[in-house]
Amino acid sequence: MAAQSRSTFDPVRSGGRCSGYDAEFYTFNYVYQYNNIIFDILLSPDTPPGYDTANPIERLYLQTLESAGQCDGDNEEDIQRMFEEANRAEAEIEKDVLEVCKSTMQALAPRTEAVGEKPSLHSWMYPKTINLQLVTKQGILTVVKRDDLPIHDSHAYIMDPQVLAFNLPRHEISDIQVIARLYPFVYKVNVKGQTVVAKLGRSEPHDSMTDEIKKLYGVQTSAQGPLARVPQLQGFVSSPMGIVGFLTNYIPSLCHNLEYALACARVTGGAVPKNKDAPSPPAITISKARKENWTRQIQETLQSLHARDVIWGDAKLANVLIDEVTDDAWIVDFGGGNTQGWIERDLHGTKAGDLQALDRITAELAAVRL
């Protein structure tokens, strides 16, 4: 059984990016993490010497991806269809990408057993990266290692002078030990003996990290005083390239978030396991009284945020954490995203949008029958 586990090919997709339509030509990258190494796999019409330039297979893939990423209309349904088609195209081509790259990735990243102390955040943020490119050789799709390509940095750095002027301690990524990965770009870490959460920026069209820091800093420095059940900033995460993230207090949360907790309750009739990161995971029951208490707490916290002119933004069940110790409902994630189905598009970023999501959160909690 152990031997079978070692031979398993299980790369984790950690991203994908296109060059954009203002570039010289359209390219696409599939990015995977496999055995602690990042593989950045390029599809490009710029064919290296020695490979087919007449109708190469990778160029047909690029044409499919570029076409799927275009939208003829500007209404929400057209945009949603575009995203669905783009995701389908990416997934179909991904099968061929992994099949072609499998033996190369296995050879370049043999499985090793982790030993010693927990790795620093630096090793998580900047793992070894290998660039590959899909090419066609005599009509057959193959892969070539590219040592001449630049390493893509997926992290966004804080450039806003207002945020950089905030009076917060700065902690080097080499001094931050990772305890567990909670979500993409979010880690449970140890800083000078204290357990906190490190949230890192990612390359995105909007500067969500800066927006979230401003909101949290505004809450805890407000003349009305800081809020309970809202994360407190503990400092900045500093890298050699600049400030790349921030630290908040750690919330030992029930089943990661309230959305997942309620999903478990529906399936198990109320028996919900504790967070897998917590010791001794006895089952618990979500009673009517607990649901009502969480609803009240979420409503009170949102009212207090609005009184400070702070918008939650991406309000939804998944952005509510239930503290395993106190059983309180915490509101998290102020980065300004908008998950479909919770807030109408024209209300995003407004108090009215937050209240619309609050109504839906309340309804979801009330709908769980135990």
Foldseek 3Di string as FASTA:
>chain_A
DVVVVQPDWDWAFDDKDWPDDVDPDIKMWTWTAGQLEIETEIQDLPADPPFDNPPKPSVVLRVQLVVLQDFPDDDPVRNVSSVVSNVVSCVVVVVVVCVQCVVVCCVVRRHDDDDDDFAFQVCVQDPHYWYKYWTHHPNRIHIDTDPPDDDDRFFDADDDPVLVPDPADEDERRQWGFPAALDVQKTFIAHPNATWIKHFGGDDPDRLQVQQSVLQVLQCPPPVHHDPQEWHWHHFYAYPVHTTTTITHDFQFAVQFQVRQLVVCLVVVAFGWGDPSDPDTGTGGCDPVLLVQQLVLVVVVLVSSVVSVQDQFQQARNQWTQHPVPRYTHGDRSRRDHDPPQFDPVCGPHSVRNVSNSVVRNVSSVPRDD
